[in-house]
N, C-alpha and C. Protein backbone atom coordinates (compact mmCIF):
# COMPACT_ATOMS: atom_id res chain seq x y z
N MET A 1 6.46 -12.88 3.92
CA MET A 1 5.52 -12.10 4.72
C MET A 1 4.24 -11.91 3.94
N ALA A 2 3.15 -12.15 4.60
CA ALA A 2 1.86 -12.02 3.94
C ALA A 2 1.14 -10.78 4.46
N LEU A 3 0.52 -10.09 3.56
CA LEU A 3 -0.31 -8.94 3.91
C LEU A 3 -1.66 -9.49 4.33
N THR A 4 -2.11 -9.16 5.51
CA THR A 4 -3.34 -9.73 6.03
C THR A 4 -4.56 -8.90 5.66
N GLU A 5 -5.71 -9.52 5.80
CA GLU A 5 -6.98 -8.82 5.59
C GLU A 5 -7.07 -7.64 6.55
N TYR A 6 -6.61 -7.82 7.78
CA TYR A 6 -6.63 -6.74 8.78
C TYR A 6 -5.82 -5.55 8.28
N GLU A 7 -4.63 -5.80 7.76
CA GLU A 7 -3.77 -4.71 7.28
C GLU A 7 -4.43 -3.98 6.11
N LEU A 8 -5.03 -4.72 5.21
CA LEU A 8 -5.74 -4.08 4.10
C LEU A 8 -6.87 -3.20 4.62
N ARG A 9 -7.64 -3.71 5.56
CA ARG A 9 -8.77 -2.94 6.12
C ARG A 9 -8.28 -1.71 6.87
N GLN A 10 -7.16 -1.84 7.56
CA GLN A 10 -6.59 -0.69 8.26
C GLN A 10 -6.20 0.41 7.27
N MET A 11 -5.63 0.00 6.16
CA MET A 11 -5.25 0.98 5.14
C MET A 11 -6.50 1.67 4.59
N LEU A 12 -7.54 0.91 4.36
CA LEU A 12 -8.78 1.49 3.82
C LEU A 12 -9.45 2.43 4.80
N SER A 13 -9.20 2.24 6.08
CA SER A 13 -9.84 3.09 7.10
C SER A 13 -9.08 4.39 7.33
N MET A 14 -7.91 4.53 6.70
CA MET A 14 -7.12 5.75 6.86
C MET A 14 -7.83 6.92 6.19
N ASP A 15 -7.59 8.11 6.72
CA ASP A 15 -8.13 9.29 6.03
C ASP A 15 -7.37 9.45 4.72
N ASP A 16 -7.96 10.20 3.79
CA ASP A 16 -7.42 10.29 2.44
C ASP A 16 -5.98 10.79 2.41
N GLU A 17 -5.67 11.80 3.18
CA GLU A 17 -4.32 12.37 3.16
C GLU A 17 -3.30 11.37 3.71
N SER A 18 -3.65 10.66 4.76
CA SER A 18 -2.73 9.66 5.33
C SER A 18 -2.49 8.52 4.35
N LEU A 19 -3.55 8.08 3.68
CA LEU A 19 -3.40 7.01 2.70
C LEU A 19 -2.53 7.49 1.53
N LYS A 20 -2.73 8.70 1.12
CA LYS A 20 -1.92 9.27 0.03
C LYS A 20 -0.44 9.26 0.41
N ARG A 21 -0.12 9.71 1.62
CA ARG A 21 1.27 9.71 2.08
C ARG A 21 1.83 8.28 2.13
N LEU A 22 1.02 7.35 2.60
CA LEU A 22 1.45 5.96 2.69
C LEU A 22 1.76 5.40 1.30
N ILE A 23 0.90 5.65 0.35
CA ILE A 23 1.10 5.15 -1.01
C ILE A 23 2.36 5.76 -1.63
N LEU A 24 2.59 7.03 -1.39
CA LEU A 24 3.80 7.67 -1.91
C LEU A 24 5.05 7.07 -1.26
N MET A 25 4.98 6.75 0.02
CA MET A 25 6.10 6.11 0.70
C MET A 25 6.35 4.72 0.11
N ILE A 26 5.27 3.99 -0.13
CA ILE A 26 5.39 2.64 -0.70
C ILE A 26 5.99 2.72 -2.10
N ALA A 27 5.53 3.67 -2.89
CA ALA A 27 6.05 3.81 -4.25
C ALA A 27 7.55 4.10 -4.22
N LYS A 28 7.97 4.95 -3.32
CA LYS A 28 9.39 5.28 -3.20
C LYS A 28 10.19 4.05 -2.78
N ALA A 29 9.68 3.30 -1.79
CA ALA A 29 10.37 2.10 -1.33
C ALA A 29 10.45 1.04 -2.42
N ALA A 30 9.44 1.00 -3.28
CA ALA A 30 9.40 0.01 -4.37
C ALA A 30 10.25 0.43 -5.55
N GLY A 31 10.74 1.66 -5.52
CA GLY A 31 11.53 2.15 -6.63
C GLY A 31 10.67 2.57 -7.81
N GLY A 32 9.40 2.85 -7.51
CA GLY A 32 8.46 3.23 -8.56
C GLY A 32 8.60 4.68 -8.97
N ASP A 33 7.93 5.01 -10.03
CA ASP A 33 7.91 6.37 -10.55
C ASP A 33 7.04 7.22 -9.63
N GLU A 34 7.66 8.18 -8.96
CA GLU A 34 6.92 9.00 -8.00
C GLU A 34 5.87 9.88 -8.68
N GLY A 35 6.11 10.27 -9.92
CA GLY A 35 5.12 11.04 -10.66
C GLY A 35 3.86 10.22 -10.93
N LYS A 36 4.05 8.96 -11.30
CA LYS A 36 2.91 8.07 -11.52
C LYS A 36 2.18 7.80 -10.22
N ALA A 37 2.93 7.65 -9.14
CA ALA A 37 2.31 7.42 -7.83
C ALA A 37 1.48 8.63 -7.43
N ALA A 38 2.00 9.82 -7.66
CA ALA A 38 1.26 11.04 -7.33
C ALA A 38 -0.02 11.11 -8.16
N SER A 39 0.06 10.71 -9.42
CA SER A 39 -1.12 10.70 -10.28
C SER A 39 -2.14 9.69 -9.76
N LEU A 40 -1.66 8.53 -9.33
CA LEU A 40 -2.54 7.49 -8.79
C LEU A 40 -3.28 7.98 -7.56
N THR A 41 -2.61 8.78 -6.76
CA THR A 41 -3.22 9.24 -5.51
C THR A 41 -4.09 10.48 -5.69
N SER A 42 -4.26 10.92 -6.92
CA SER A 42 -5.10 12.10 -7.15
C SER A 42 -6.59 11.79 -6.97
N ASP A 43 -6.96 10.52 -6.98
CA ASP A 43 -8.35 10.11 -6.80
C ASP A 43 -8.42 9.01 -5.75
N ILE A 44 -8.26 9.40 -4.50
CA ILE A 44 -8.22 8.44 -3.39
C ILE A 44 -9.51 7.62 -3.29
N PRO A 45 -10.70 8.21 -3.46
CA PRO A 45 -11.91 7.37 -3.38
C PRO A 45 -11.89 6.20 -4.38
N SER A 46 -11.46 6.45 -5.60
CA SER A 46 -11.38 5.36 -6.59
C SER A 46 -10.31 4.35 -6.19
N LEU A 47 -9.19 4.85 -5.66
CA LEU A 47 -8.13 3.96 -5.22
C LEU A 47 -8.61 3.07 -4.08
N LYS A 48 -9.33 3.66 -3.13
CA LYS A 48 -9.87 2.86 -2.03
C LYS A 48 -10.85 1.80 -2.56
N ASN A 49 -11.62 2.16 -3.56
CA ASN A 49 -12.54 1.21 -4.15
C ASN A 49 -11.78 0.03 -4.75
N LEU A 50 -10.71 0.32 -5.48
CA LEU A 50 -9.89 -0.75 -6.05
C LEU A 50 -9.26 -1.61 -4.95
N MET A 51 -8.73 -0.95 -3.93
CA MET A 51 -8.09 -1.67 -2.84
C MET A 51 -9.08 -2.56 -2.10
N SER A 52 -10.31 -2.09 -1.98
CA SER A 52 -11.31 -2.86 -1.22
C SER A 52 -11.65 -4.18 -1.89
N ARG A 53 -11.36 -4.28 -3.17
CA ARG A 53 -11.65 -5.51 -3.90
C ARG A 53 -10.46 -6.47 -3.95
N LEU A 54 -9.30 -6.04 -3.46
CA LEU A 54 -8.13 -6.90 -3.45
C LEU A 54 -8.27 -7.97 -2.37
N THR A 55 -7.91 -9.18 -2.71
CA THR A 55 -7.80 -10.22 -1.69
C THR A 55 -6.40 -10.11 -1.10
N PRO A 56 -6.18 -10.65 0.09
CA PRO A 56 -4.81 -10.64 0.63
C PRO A 56 -3.81 -11.29 -0.33
N ALA A 57 -4.23 -12.34 -1.02
CA ALA A 57 -3.32 -13.01 -1.98
C ALA A 57 -2.96 -12.08 -3.13
N GLU A 58 -3.93 -11.33 -3.63
CA GLU A 58 -3.66 -10.39 -4.71
C GLU A 58 -2.74 -9.26 -4.25
N ALA A 59 -2.98 -8.77 -3.04
CA ALA A 59 -2.12 -7.72 -2.49
C ALA A 59 -0.70 -8.24 -2.32
N GLU A 60 -0.58 -9.47 -1.86
CA GLU A 60 0.74 -10.07 -1.68
C GLU A 60 1.44 -10.24 -3.02
N GLU A 61 0.70 -10.61 -4.04
CA GLU A 61 1.28 -10.74 -5.37
C GLU A 61 1.82 -9.39 -5.87
N LEU A 62 1.05 -8.32 -5.64
CA LEU A 62 1.51 -6.99 -6.03
C LEU A 62 2.78 -6.61 -5.29
N LEU A 63 2.81 -6.89 -3.98
CA LEU A 63 4.02 -6.60 -3.21
C LEU A 63 5.21 -7.41 -3.73
N GLY A 64 4.96 -8.65 -4.07
CA GLY A 64 6.02 -9.52 -4.54
C GLY A 64 6.66 -9.06 -5.82
N ARG A 65 5.94 -8.31 -6.63
CA ARG A 65 6.48 -7.81 -7.89
C ARG A 65 7.62 -6.82 -7.66
N ALA A 66 7.69 -6.25 -6.47
CA ALA A 66 8.75 -5.29 -6.16
C ALA A 66 10.06 -5.98 -5.83
N GLY A 67 10.03 -7.30 -5.65
CA GLY A 67 11.23 -8.05 -5.26
C GLY A 67 11.26 -8.24 -3.75
N LYS A 68 11.98 -9.23 -3.30
CA LYS A 68 11.98 -9.61 -1.89
C LYS A 68 12.38 -8.47 -0.96
N GLY A 69 13.51 -7.85 -1.21
CA GLY A 69 13.99 -6.79 -0.32
C GLY A 69 13.04 -5.61 -0.26
N ARG A 70 12.61 -5.17 -1.42
CA ARG A 70 11.70 -4.03 -1.46
C ARG A 70 10.34 -4.38 -0.88
N SER A 71 9.85 -5.59 -1.13
CA SER A 71 8.54 -5.94 -0.59
C SER A 71 8.59 -6.01 0.94
N GLU A 72 9.72 -6.43 1.49
CA GLU A 72 9.87 -6.43 2.95
C GLU A 72 9.88 -5.00 3.49
N ASP A 73 10.53 -4.08 2.78
CA ASP A 73 10.53 -2.67 3.18
C ASP A 73 9.11 -2.11 3.14
N ILE A 74 8.37 -2.45 2.09
CA ILE A 74 6.99 -1.98 1.95
C ILE A 74 6.13 -2.53 3.08
N TYR A 75 6.29 -3.80 3.37
CA TYR A 75 5.54 -4.43 4.46
C TYR A 75 5.80 -3.72 5.78
N ARG A 76 7.06 -3.37 6.03
CA ARG A 76 7.40 -2.65 7.27
C ARG A 76 6.74 -1.27 7.29
N ILE A 77 6.72 -0.58 6.16
CA ILE A 77 6.08 0.73 6.10
C ILE A 77 4.60 0.60 6.43
N ILE A 78 3.95 -0.39 5.83
CA ILE A 78 2.51 -0.60 6.08
C ILE A 78 2.27 -0.89 7.55
N ASN A 79 3.07 -1.77 8.15
CA ASN A 79 2.86 -2.10 9.55
C ASN A 79 3.14 -0.94 10.47
N ASN A 80 4.16 -0.16 10.18
CA ASN A 80 4.46 0.99 11.03
C ASN A 80 3.35 2.03 10.96
N ARG A 81 2.78 2.25 9.77
CA ARG A 81 1.70 3.22 9.60
C ARG A 81 0.40 2.72 10.23
N ASN A 82 0.24 1.41 10.29
CA ASN A 82 -0.98 0.85 10.87
C ASN A 82 -0.84 0.58 12.36
N GLY A 83 0.26 0.96 12.95
CA GLY A 83 0.45 0.77 14.38
C GLY A 83 0.98 -0.60 14.74
N GLY A 84 1.51 -1.33 13.78
CA GLY A 84 2.04 -2.66 14.06
C GLY A 84 0.95 -3.66 14.30
N LYS A 85 1.34 -4.85 14.73
CA LYS A 85 0.37 -5.93 14.97
C LYS A 85 0.33 -6.30 16.41
């Protein structure tokens, strides 16, 4: 599954609180450290800036680091939060 440019843009268009919740959900699904994820979301404008520079291939690579099963779970979370395709 590939993360599309549309999905990335949809995430960037979310209000700060919604994006924060989404990132925390993704971190949990990826088995990441929730404390680190909370720290990451403390500066949403900077996070959005970083995300805006990601290409779909780079985003897909990041998702792939979580492993196949977890990356599929993350992809589903992103699509559900973005209203599907």
